[in-house]
Amino acid sequence: MNEFQRDALINKIVDIGKIDRNIFFLSADFGAPALDRLRAELPDQFLHLGISEQNLINVAIGLALKGKTVFTYAMAPFISLRCAEQHKIAAMMHLNIVNIIAGIGLGYANAGPTHYATEDLSVALKTIGSSVYTIADSQMASDFADHICRNPKFCFVRLDRDVLPIIGPRAEIGEGYRIIHQPRDVTVITHGYCINIANKAILDSGLSDQIGLIDLFQCKPIPAGLVEKIKDSSRVVIVDEQIKSASLASQLAPALFSSNYGFNLKLACLEERFMFENVGRANLVKIGGITEQEILKLCLD
């Protein structure tokens, strides 16, 4: 059954945390059904830190230094940009801290640029030593929690606030990407919410036999084999719900350009500006330049 990504991830952490008492979960001023379960069933492994995200990461560092695997959980713009220096220190010490960035892109709240996270990916990518995951659905969220509890490391996992449909095959978390439509002469690479926009564009156009689609749910480090997988694609279209300088393209472009395969890169991302419009996510991404029509245009023109 599909559900909120946060609930699928947290419920799996609760299940594993009952066995592994070294797992700790730290939350800012948040609420969720699964969080209520965690608080009730693992009271000695849960800490509520309130609206103090920088302090939350500081506490996580202390626990991790004592050998704990720590999950931190807060709203995307605050746990990313506000805590950049703390993340740097945690990564420097190679601590087992999993930072849950909740409500990425334009998805957290219809409340203007303070609550939109259109640059959160840049903080995660630019933190030396980090691994970065962007979750597409609740099944992937549960599988990721299972994987990271057994293979803990410093990383960021970016969650959508909405319930997104489960599309494509079940992801193998260790592989870092999954094929939604087989790579073709034109291949779209994206992740998270934009998987749904790109997939709908391809299916509605009837071009799934001409346009490939890859869900790059691990964008750092770039998965081994990804470039070889798309080597026969003359054009690669990268779609991301971030501003250009903070987008998936900023991570992928160097690897693709250095491959000597001569990829022609196209990018659909948000305009580089603060978005003050409060018109809902579906309209915001269109205003920002991410539409089915634009994706198809980049694929075919």
Protein backbone atom coordinates (compact mmCIF):
# COMPACT_ATOMS: atom_id res chain seq x y z
CA MET A 1 0.00 0.00 0.00
CA ASN A 2 1.32 3.43 -0.92
CA GLU A 3 1.67 5.98 1.90
CA PHE A 4 3.59 9.05 2.93
CA GLN A 5 7.31 8.58 2.40
CA ARG A 6 8.08 9.84 5.92
CA ASP A 7 5.75 7.22 7.47
CA ALA A 8 7.16 4.36 5.40
CA LEU A 9 10.72 5.33 6.31
CA ILE A 10 10.05 5.98 10.00
CA ASN A 11 7.97 2.81 10.46
CA LYS A 12 10.84 0.74 9.08
CA ILE A 13 13.27 2.53 11.43
CA VAL A 14 10.98 1.67 14.37
CA ASP A 15 10.92 -1.99 13.37
CA ILE A 16 14.70 -2.16 13.13
CA GLY A 17 15.25 0.11 16.15
CA LYS A 18 13.49 -2.38 18.41
CA ILE A 19 16.32 -4.79 17.63
CA ASP A 20 19.19 -2.35 17.20
CA ARG A 21 19.21 -0.13 20.28
CA ASN A 22 22.05 1.95 18.85
CA ILE A 23 19.62 3.64 16.47
CA PHE A 24 18.49 7.11 17.55
CA PHE A 25 15.97 9.45 15.94
CA LEU A 26 16.07 13.24 16.42
CA SER A 27 13.23 15.48 15.28
CA ALA A 28 12.63 19.20 15.04
CA ASP A 29 9.14 20.60 15.59
CA PHE A 30 7.36 17.95 13.50
CA GLY A 31 4.42 15.60 13.76
CA ALA A 32 3.39 12.48 11.84
CA PRO A 33 1.53 9.24 12.63
CA ALA A 34 4.73 7.21 12.31
CA LEU A 35 6.56 9.70 14.53
CA ASP A 36 3.91 9.15 17.22
CA ARG A 37 4.56 5.42 16.96
CA LEU A 38 8.32 5.95 17.21
CA ARG A 39 7.93 8.16 20.26
CA ALA A 40 5.68 5.60 21.95
CA GLU A 41 7.61 2.44 21.11
CA LEU A 42 11.20 3.74 21.25
CA PRO A 43 11.03 6.45 23.93
CA ASP A 44 14.68 6.02 24.92
CA GLN A 45 15.84 6.34 21.31
CA PHE A 46 13.90 9.48 20.38
CA LEU A 47 14.64 13.14 21.09
CA HIS A 48 12.47 16.13 20.21
CA LEU A 49 14.72 19.19 19.80
CA GLY A 50 12.10 21.76 18.85
CA ILE A 51 12.68 24.57 16.37
CA SER A 52 16.46 24.47 16.68
CA GLU A 53 17.84 22.60 13.69
CA GLN A 54 21.47 23.60 14.19
CA ASN A 55 21.36 22.33 17.76
CA LEU A 56 19.65 19.17 16.51
CA ILE A 57 22.66 18.40 14.32
CA ASN A 58 25.03 19.21 17.19
CA VAL A 59 23.22 16.69 19.40
CA ALA A 60 23.33 14.15 16.58
CA ILE A 61 27.10 14.62 16.33
CA GLY A 62 27.47 13.93 20.05
CA LEU A 63 25.41 10.74 19.85
CA ALA A 64 27.22 9.55 16.73
CA LEU A 65 30.58 10.09 18.46
CA LYS A 66 29.31 7.60 21.06
CA GLY A 67 28.78 5.00 18.34
CA LYS A 68 25.09 5.59 17.64
CA THR A 69 23.44 5.60 14.21
CA VAL A 70 21.47 8.84 14.22
CA PHE A 71 18.57 9.94 12.02
CA THR A 72 17.84 13.66 11.97
CA TYR A 73 14.48 14.89 10.70
CA ALA A 74 13.36 18.44 9.88
CA MET A 75 11.84 20.65 7.21
CA ALA A 76 13.91 20.80 4.01
CA PRO A 77 15.00 24.46 3.89
CA PHE A 78 15.99 24.47 7.55
CA ILE A 79 17.86 21.17 7.92
CA SER A 80 19.80 21.87 4.73
CA LEU A 81 20.78 25.53 4.38
CA ARG A 82 20.56 26.48 8.06
CA CYS A 83 22.80 23.61 9.17
CA ALA A 84 25.47 23.63 6.45
CA GLU A 85 28.40 24.14 8.82
CA GLN A 86 27.24 21.44 11.23
CA HIS A 87 26.89 19.00 8.33
CA LYS A 88 30.44 19.82 7.26
CA ILE A 89 31.79 18.93 10.70
CA ALA A 90 29.78 15.69 10.89
CA ALA A 91 30.96 14.61 7.45
CA MET A 92 34.54 15.51 8.34
CA MET A 93 34.39 12.97 11.18
CA HIS A 94 32.70 10.31 9.00
CA LEU A 95 29.84 9.97 11.47
CA ASN A 96 26.84 7.69 10.96
CA ILE A 97 24.25 10.47 10.64
CA VAL A 98 21.36 10.14 8.20
CA ASN A 99 19.84 13.56 7.55
CA ILE A 100 16.19 13.33 6.48
CA ILE A 101 15.36 16.39 4.38
CA ALA A 102 11.56 16.52 4.39
CA GLY A 103 9.53 18.45 1.81
CA ILE A 104 12.09 19.06 -0.92
CA GLY A 105 11.69 21.38 -3.86
CA LEU A 106 8.37 23.21 -3.91
CA GLY A 107 6.60 20.45 -2.05
CA TYR A 108 6.55 21.29 1.64
CA ALA A 109 4.05 24.13 2.01
CA ASN A 110 2.35 26.75 -0.09
CA ALA A 111 4.07 29.47 1.91
CA GLY A 112 6.56 31.27 -0.29
CA PRO A 113 10.36 31.14 -0.59
CA THR A 114 11.06 30.63 3.12
CA HIS A 115 9.38 27.22 2.89
CA TYR A 116 10.38 26.27 -0.65
CA ALA A 117 13.60 24.25 -0.85
CA THR A 118 14.83 25.03 -4.33
CA GLU A 119 18.53 24.91 -3.35
CA ASP A 120 18.63 22.13 -0.75
CA LEU A 121 20.32 19.69 -3.12
CA SER A 122 23.34 22.00 -3.43
CA VAL A 123 24.08 21.81 0.32
CA ALA A 124 23.86 18.03 0.27
CA LEU A 125 26.03 17.71 -2.85
CA LYS A 126 28.69 20.21 -1.76
CA THR A 127 29.21 18.64 1.67
CA ILE A 128 32.49 16.79 1.32
CA GLY A 129 32.10 13.06 1.92
CA SER A 130 28.33 13.01 1.67
CA SER A 131 26.08 10.54 -0.10
CA VAL A 132 22.79 11.90 -1.43
CA TYR A 133 19.51 10.08 -2.10
CA THR A 134 16.19 11.41 -3.42
CA ILE A 135 13.22 9.15 -2.75
CA ALA A 136 10.46 8.70 -5.34
CA ASP A 137 7.79 6.74 -3.42
CA SER A 138 6.94 5.03 -0.13
CA GLN A 139 8.29 1.63 -1.18
CA MET A 140 11.66 3.17 -1.92
CA ALA A 141 11.54 5.02 1.41
CA SER A 142 11.03 1.77 3.33
CA ASP A 143 13.72 -0.03 1.33
CA PHE A 144 16.15 2.84 1.89
CA ALA A 145 15.58 2.75 5.66
CA ASP A 146 16.26 -0.97 5.70
CA HIS A 147 19.43 -0.51 3.64
CA ILE A 148 20.88 2.42 5.59
CA CYS A 149 20.20 0.89 9.02
CA ARG A 150 22.32 -2.06 7.94
CA ASN A 151 24.91 0.05 6.14
CA PRO A 152 25.02 3.32 8.13
CA LYS A 153 27.03 6.31 6.90
CA PHE A 154 26.85 10.07 6.71
CA CYS A 155 24.27 10.93 4.10
CA PHE A 156 21.26 12.99 3.11
CA VAL A 157 17.94 11.41 2.15
CA ARG A 158 15.52 13.81 0.47
CA LEU A 159 11.82 13.02 0.98
CA ASP A 160 8.74 14.36 -0.70
CA ARG A 161 5.90 15.53 1.52
CA ASP A 162 3.23 14.32 -0.91
CA VAL A 163 2.14 10.73 -1.47
CA LEU A 164 3.61 10.02 -4.90
CA PRO A 165 2.51 7.08 -7.07
CA ILE A 166 4.67 3.98 -7.26
CA ILE A 167 5.89 3.68 -10.84
CA GLY A 168 8.46 1.45 -12.47
CA PRO A 169 10.25 -1.54 -10.97
CA ARG A 170 11.24 -1.78 -7.33
CA ALA A 171 14.56 -0.03 -6.77
CA GLU A 172 17.71 -1.83 -5.68
CA ILE A 173 19.06 0.75 -3.25
CA GLY A 174 22.66 -0.42 -3.61
CA GLU A 175 22.58 0.19 -7.38
CA GLY A 176 21.73 3.88 -7.07
CA TYR A 177 19.42 4.13 -10.07
CA ARG A 178 16.57 2.30 -11.73
CA ILE A 179 15.33 2.11 -15.29
CA ILE A 180 11.73 3.27 -15.79
CA HIS A 181 12.00 3.16 -19.61
CA GLN A 182 15.06 1.66 -21.28
CA PRO A 183 17.69 4.19 -22.41
CA ARG A 184 17.25 5.22 -26.03
CA ASP A 185 18.84 7.73 -28.38
CA VAL A 186 17.21 10.26 -26.04
CA THR A 187 17.22 9.55 -22.29
CA VAL A 188 15.71 11.60 -19.48
CA ILE A 189 17.42 11.49 -16.08
CA THR A 190 15.61 12.84 -13.04
CA HIS A 191 14.49 11.93 -9.51
CA GLY A 192 11.78 12.46 -6.91
CA TYR A 193 8.66 14.40 -7.88
CA CYS A 194 9.90 15.06 -11.41
CA ILE A 195 9.88 11.33 -12.18
CA ASN A 196 6.10 11.60 -12.36
CA ILE A 197 6.13 14.64 -14.66
CA ALA A 198 8.64 13.06 -17.04
CA ASN A 199 6.94 9.66 -17.03
CA LYS A 200 3.55 11.19 -17.81
CA ALA A 201 5.04 13.23 -20.65
CA ILE A 202 6.60 10.13 -22.19
CA LEU A 203 3.56 7.89 -21.78
CA ASP A 204 0.99 10.45 -22.92
CA SER A 205 3.05 11.16 -26.03
CA GLY A 206 3.29 7.46 -26.84
CA LEU A 207 7.07 7.73 -27.09
CA SER A 208 8.22 5.21 -24.48
CA ASP A 209 9.92 3.26 -27.27
CA GLN A 210 11.89 6.37 -28.27
CA ILE A 211 12.65 8.14 -24.98
CA GLY A 212 14.33 6.45 -22.03
CA LEU A 213 13.75 7.41 -18.40
CA ILE A 214 16.11 6.84 -15.46
CA ASP A 215 15.35 7.51 -11.80
CA LEU A 216 18.72 8.56 -10.39
CA PHE A 217 17.77 8.21 -6.72
CA GLN A 218 21.44 8.23 -5.65
CA CYS A 219 23.07 11.25 -7.26
CA LYS A 220 26.19 11.25 -5.07
CA PRO A 221 28.34 9.38 -5.58
CA ILE A 222 27.22 8.87 -9.17
CA PRO A 223 26.46 5.15 -9.43
CA ALA A 224 29.00 2.95 -11.13
CA GLY A 225 27.78 1.90 -14.53
CA LEU A 226 25.35 4.78 -15.07
CA VAL A 227 27.38 6.49 -17.80
CA GLU A 228 27.97 3.19 -19.60
CA LYS A 229 24.25 2.42 -19.36
CA ILE A 230 23.39 5.53 -21.37
CA LYS A 231 26.43 5.60 -23.67
CA ASP A 232 24.27 5.08 -26.78
CA SER A 233 22.11 8.10 -25.97
CA SER A 234 23.07 11.05 -28.12
CA ARG A 235 20.91 13.39 -26.04
CA VAL A 236 20.45 13.41 -22.25
CA VAL A 237 17.71 15.56 -20.72
CA ILE A 238 18.14 16.30 -17.00
CA VAL A 239 15.02 17.39 -15.11
CA ASP A 240 15.12 18.72 -11.54
CA GLU A 241 12.91 20.74 -9.18
CA GLN A 242 15.84 22.92 -8.16
CA ILE A 243 17.36 26.11 -9.52
CA LYS A 244 19.98 25.50 -12.24
CA SER A 245 23.09 26.12 -10.14
CA ALA A 246 21.80 23.74 -7.43
CA SER A 247 20.33 21.09 -9.70
CA LEU A 248 21.04 17.49 -10.57
CA ALA A 249 22.78 18.78 -13.69
CA SER A 250 25.50 20.43 -11.61
CA GLN A 251 26.42 16.97 -10.33
CA LEU A 252 25.96 14.99 -13.54
CA ALA A 253 27.38 17.31 -16.18
CA PRO A 254 31.10 16.89 -15.28
CA ALA A 255 30.83 13.09 -15.35
CA LEU A 256 28.93 13.08 -18.65
CA PHE A 257 31.18 15.63 -20.37
CA SER A 258 34.34 13.78 -19.29
CA SER A 259 33.08 10.46 -20.62
CA ASN A 260 34.05 11.15 -24.27
CA TYR A 261 30.66 9.85 -25.45
CA GLY A 262 29.67 13.25 -26.78
CA PHE A 263 26.38 13.61 -24.96
CA ASN A 264 24.18 16.55 -25.93
CA LEU A 265 22.85 17.80 -22.59
CA LYS A 266 19.55 19.60 -22.08
CA LEU A 267 18.16 20.85 -18.78
CA ALA A 268 14.68 21.53 -17.43
CA CYS A 269 14.89 23.15 -14.00
CA LEU A 270 13.46 26.05 -12.02
CA GLU A 271 14.21 29.64 -12.86
CA GLU A 272 16.94 31.17 -10.72
CA ARG A 273 14.78 33.46 -8.63
CA PHE A 274 12.83 33.54 -5.39
CA MET A 275 9.29 32.32 -5.95
CA PHE A 276 6.78 34.42 -4.05
CA GLU A 277 3.72 32.93 -5.75
CA ASN A 278 1.51 30.82 -3.47
CA VAL A 279 -0.37 28.94 -6.16
CA GLY A 280 0.37 25.30 -5.28
CA ARG A 281 3.17 23.01 -6.38
CA ALA A 282 1.64 21.86 -9.67
CA ASN A 283 1.36 25.46 -10.83
CA LEU A 284 4.69 26.51 -9.35
CA VAL A 285 6.71 23.95 -11.30
CA LYS A 286 5.00 25.13 -14.49
CA ILE A 287 5.77 28.76 -13.67
CA GLY A 288 9.33 27.70 -12.95
CA GLY A 289 9.69 26.08 -16.36
CA ILE A 290 9.16 22.36 -15.69
CA THR A 291 6.29 21.08 -17.80
CA GLU A 292 5.53 17.96 -19.81
CA GLN A 293 5.63 20.08 -22.95
CA GLU A 294 9.04 21.50 -22.11
CA ILE A 295 10.47 18.05 -21.38
CA LEU A 296 9.21 16.71 -24.72
CA LYS A 297 10.52 19.79 -26.51
CA LEU A 298 13.98 19.23 -25.03
CA CYS A 299 13.82 15.57 -26.02
CA LEU A 300 12.66 16.07 -29.61
CA ASP A 301 13.70 19.49 -30.94
